[in-house]
Every structure is written in structure tokens, then in C-alpha cells.
Amino acid sequence: METGFGGTDTLVCVPRIIVQMLTTKNMNTKLLMTVSAIVLGGAGIALIFAPEEAVRFFMVGADKQAVLFIQIIGAAYFAFAMLNWMTKDNAIGGIYNRPIAIANVTHFGIAGLALVKALAANPNLPYQWWALTAFYAVFAIAFGIVFLRHPAGEKKLE
């Protein structure tokens, strides 16, 4: 098994952490926010500083407008990462930090549905698209649970 950043262990570790969070009674939102911040931050930085490589990785046509659009998306990912990182220590769920939970569930849910639709229309897309779809689906479910659950037991709320 390959190890290191971007290796097989990295790809297997994130879903395992998410499954663990989903199956516990009191979800660890700090871990969810931290993982999402790191993943979105890494993706944002990659899209901002290496848009041509990202376009090639996902095997889509690269022209100057596409590269600019990819950099803009990277900026949005990085902003989301900063939002999640800055709120990771706060209680999230139910009525607590509801805008943060809604923003995340909306982002991951809509993007996940768009990716599912694209894969349903063209199941021969490269594996990168399937992996991205799985990533978005897992995070959409996790943030949906955070949105609907009260964070009791996670922190003492006063």
C-alpha cells in the first residue's frame, strides 16, 4: 500500500474518519470542520496556484477562461476552508452556528448532486470524477447530520 500525501492511505483515511463520525452518537464536529478545512484549503491552494495542472488532472479542455474560472473556484474553496478552520472550536449543530452548517451542507449537497447528475449522464468519466463525487456525497451527509443534530454532549452549552 502506498503511503504519504496523496497516496492510498490518504485516500482511505478521510472516508474512514467520516464514517466514524457518522456512526457515533455525538458527532465530533471539530474533527469534521478540521478535515473539511484541510481538504478544501489544499484544493483551494492547488486551484489558485496550479490551475492548468488541475484542468489536466480532471481531463477537461484548458483555455484561458477555464483557467481563470478554476482560480476563482480555488479562491472560494480557500475561503470556505478558512471559515471552517476559524469555527472548528465552536459548537455546531441545531441552532448553534446554523449559518456555518447551512453553508457547508448547501455547498457539498448541491455540488454532490451536480456531480451525481454528470456521472449518471456519462458513467464513462475518469475515476477522478467518481472520487470527487464520493467525497462530496460523504461531506454532504456529514454536514446534513450536523445541521439536524443538537451538539449536546460535545461541549457544555450555556
Protein backbone atom coordinates (compact mmCIF):
# COMPACT_ATOMS: atom_id res chain seq x y z
CA MET A 1 0.00 0.00 0.00
CA GLU A 2 1.37 3.39 -0.96
CA THR A 3 1.77 5.93 1.82
CA GLY A 4 2.30 9.64 2.09
CA PHE A 5 0.42 12.70 0.94
CA GLY A 6 -1.86 11.86 -1.95
CA GLY A 7 -1.16 8.15 -1.54
CA THR A 8 -3.59 5.32 -1.00
CA ASP A 9 -3.51 5.74 2.79
CA THR A 10 -4.58 9.37 2.46
CA LEU A 11 -7.49 8.49 0.17
CA VAL A 12 -8.69 5.73 2.51
CA CYS A 13 -8.19 7.70 5.75
CA VAL A 14 -10.63 10.55 5.09
CA PRO A 15 -13.70 8.34 4.40
CA ARG A 16 -12.82 6.18 7.43
CA ILE A 17 -12.78 9.28 9.67
CA ILE A 18 -16.10 10.46 8.22
CA VAL A 19 -17.75 7.03 8.73
CA GLN A 20 -16.52 7.00 12.32
CA MET A 21 -18.00 10.46 12.91
CA LEU A 22 -21.35 9.47 11.38
CA THR A 23 -21.72 6.33 13.50
CA THR A 24 -21.07 7.89 16.90
CA LYS A 25 -23.90 9.27 18.98
CA ASN A 26 -22.32 12.69 19.44
CA MET A 27 -20.56 13.66 16.23
CA ASN A 28 -17.17 15.29 16.66
CA THR A 29 -17.79 18.47 14.69
CA LYS A 30 -14.29 19.74 15.46
CA LEU A 31 -12.85 16.81 13.53
CA LEU A 32 -15.32 17.29 10.67
CA MET A 33 -14.58 21.01 10.44
CA THR A 34 -10.83 20.39 10.62
CA VAL A 35 -10.86 17.70 7.91
CA SER A 36 -13.09 19.77 5.63
CA ALA A 37 -10.91 22.85 6.20
CA ILE A 38 -7.72 20.97 5.37
CA VAL A 39 -9.18 19.30 2.27
CA LEU A 40 -10.84 22.47 0.97
CA GLY A 41 -7.78 24.55 1.80
CA GLY A 42 -5.49 22.16 -0.04
CA ALA A 43 -7.83 22.07 -3.02
CA GLY A 44 -8.16 25.85 -2.97
CA ILE A 45 -4.41 26.42 -2.91
CA ALA A 46 -3.91 23.87 -5.70
CA LEU A 47 -6.60 25.50 -7.86
CA ILE A 48 -5.27 29.00 -7.22
CA PHE A 49 -1.61 28.30 -7.89
CA ALA A 50 -1.76 25.34 -10.31
CA PRO A 51 -4.96 25.75 -12.34
CA GLU A 52 -3.50 24.32 -15.56
CA GLU A 53 -2.45 21.14 -13.75
CA ALA A 54 -5.89 20.85 -12.14
CA VAL A 55 -7.55 21.18 -15.54
CA ARG A 56 -5.30 18.44 -16.93
CA PHE A 57 -5.92 16.23 -13.89
CA PHE A 58 -9.68 16.33 -14.45
CA MET A 59 -9.15 15.95 -18.21
CA VAL A 60 -11.16 18.96 -19.31
CA GLY A 61 -10.29 21.44 -22.04
CA ALA A 62 -7.93 24.18 -20.91
CA ASP A 63 -8.26 27.67 -22.28
CA LYS A 64 -7.52 30.98 -20.58
CA GLN A 65 -11.12 31.46 -19.43
CA ALA A 66 -11.28 27.96 -17.91
CA VAL A 67 -8.02 28.55 -16.04
CA LEU A 68 -9.33 31.86 -14.67
CA PHE A 69 -12.59 30.21 -13.63
CA ILE A 70 -10.64 27.44 -11.87
CA GLN A 71 -8.65 30.05 -9.93
CA ILE A 72 -11.88 31.78 -8.87
CA ILE A 73 -13.27 28.44 -7.66
CA GLY A 74 -10.00 27.90 -5.81
CA ALA A 75 -10.47 31.22 -4.02
CA ALA A 76 -13.97 30.15 -2.94
CA TYR A 77 -12.64 26.79 -1.68
CA PHE A 78 -9.91 28.55 0.26
CA ALA A 79 -12.45 30.96 1.77
CA PHE A 80 -14.63 28.02 2.84
CA ALA A 81 -11.58 26.36 4.35
CA MET A 82 -10.82 29.48 6.37
CA LEU A 83 -14.45 29.70 7.53
CA ASN A 84 -14.42 26.08 8.68
CA TRP A 85 -11.00 26.40 10.30
CA MET A 86 -11.99 29.52 12.25
CA THR A 87 -15.19 27.90 13.60
CA LYS A 88 -13.86 24.41 14.32
CA ASP A 89 -13.67 25.03 18.09
CA ASN A 90 -17.28 26.25 18.38
CA ALA A 91 -20.40 24.20 18.97
CA ILE A 92 -22.05 23.48 15.61
CA GLY A 93 -25.42 21.84 15.09
CA GLY A 94 -29.04 22.53 15.75
CA ILE A 95 -29.34 26.28 16.36
CA TYR A 96 -25.63 26.75 17.12
CA ASN A 97 -23.65 28.26 14.24
CA ARG A 98 -26.53 27.37 11.94
CA PRO A 99 -25.27 29.59 9.07
CA ILE A 100 -21.96 27.68 9.05
CA ALA A 101 -23.75 24.33 8.92
CA ILE A 102 -26.17 25.54 6.22
CA ALA A 103 -23.36 26.96 4.08
CA ASN A 104 -21.47 23.67 4.23
CA VAL A 105 -24.46 21.41 3.64
CA THR A 106 -25.54 23.63 0.73
CA HIS A 107 -22.09 23.67 -0.86
CA PHE A 108 -21.44 19.95 -0.52
CA GLY A 109 -25.05 18.97 -1.26
CA ILE A 110 -25.51 20.99 -4.45
CA ALA A 111 -22.06 20.14 -5.80
CA GLY A 112 -22.59 16.48 -4.92
CA LEU A 113 -25.93 16.37 -6.73
CA ALA A 114 -24.43 18.08 -9.78
CA LEU A 115 -21.64 15.50 -9.85
CA VAL A 116 -24.10 12.61 -9.47
CA LYS A 117 -26.12 14.03 -12.36
CA ALA A 118 -22.97 14.31 -14.51
CA LEU A 119 -21.94 10.74 -13.72
CA ALA A 120 -25.44 9.43 -14.41
CA ALA A 121 -25.36 11.11 -17.82
CA ASN A 122 -21.84 9.90 -18.59
CA PRO A 123 -20.71 6.93 -16.45
CA ASN A 124 -17.51 6.65 -18.51
CA LEU A 125 -15.99 9.73 -16.88
CA PRO A 126 -12.49 9.15 -15.44
CA TYR A 127 -12.03 7.86 -11.90
CA GLN A 128 -11.19 11.37 -10.64
CA TRP A 129 -14.82 12.40 -11.13
CA TRP A 130 -16.09 9.32 -9.26
CA ALA A 131 -13.74 10.01 -6.34
CA LEU A 132 -14.78 13.66 -6.24
CA THR A 133 -18.45 12.64 -6.23
CA ALA A 134 -17.90 10.23 -3.33
CA PHE A 135 -16.03 12.93 -1.40
CA TYR A 136 -18.86 15.44 -1.89
CA ALA A 137 -21.54 12.88 -1.00
CA VAL A 138 -19.83 11.91 2.26
CA PHE A 139 -19.36 15.53 3.33
CA ALA A 140 -22.93 16.46 2.30
CA ILE A 141 -24.29 13.68 4.51
CA ALA A 142 -21.96 14.58 7.40
CA PHE A 143 -22.88 18.27 7.33
CA GLY A 144 -26.56 17.37 6.90
CA ILE A 145 -26.35 15.38 10.11
CA VAL A 146 -24.55 18.24 11.85
CA PHE A 147 -27.26 20.63 10.70
CA LEU A 148 -30.06 18.43 12.04
CA ARG A 149 -28.41 17.31 15.31
CA HIS A 150 -28.09 19.22 18.52
CA PRO A 151 -24.46 19.37 19.68
CA ALA A 152 -25.33 18.28 23.24
CA GLY A 153 -22.59 16.28 24.84
CA GLU A 154 -19.96 17.79 22.60
CA LYS A 155 -19.50 20.94 24.69
CA LYS A 156 -21.27 22.30 27.67
CA LEU A 157 -23.63 24.92 26.27
CA GLU A 158 -24.80 27.72 28.50
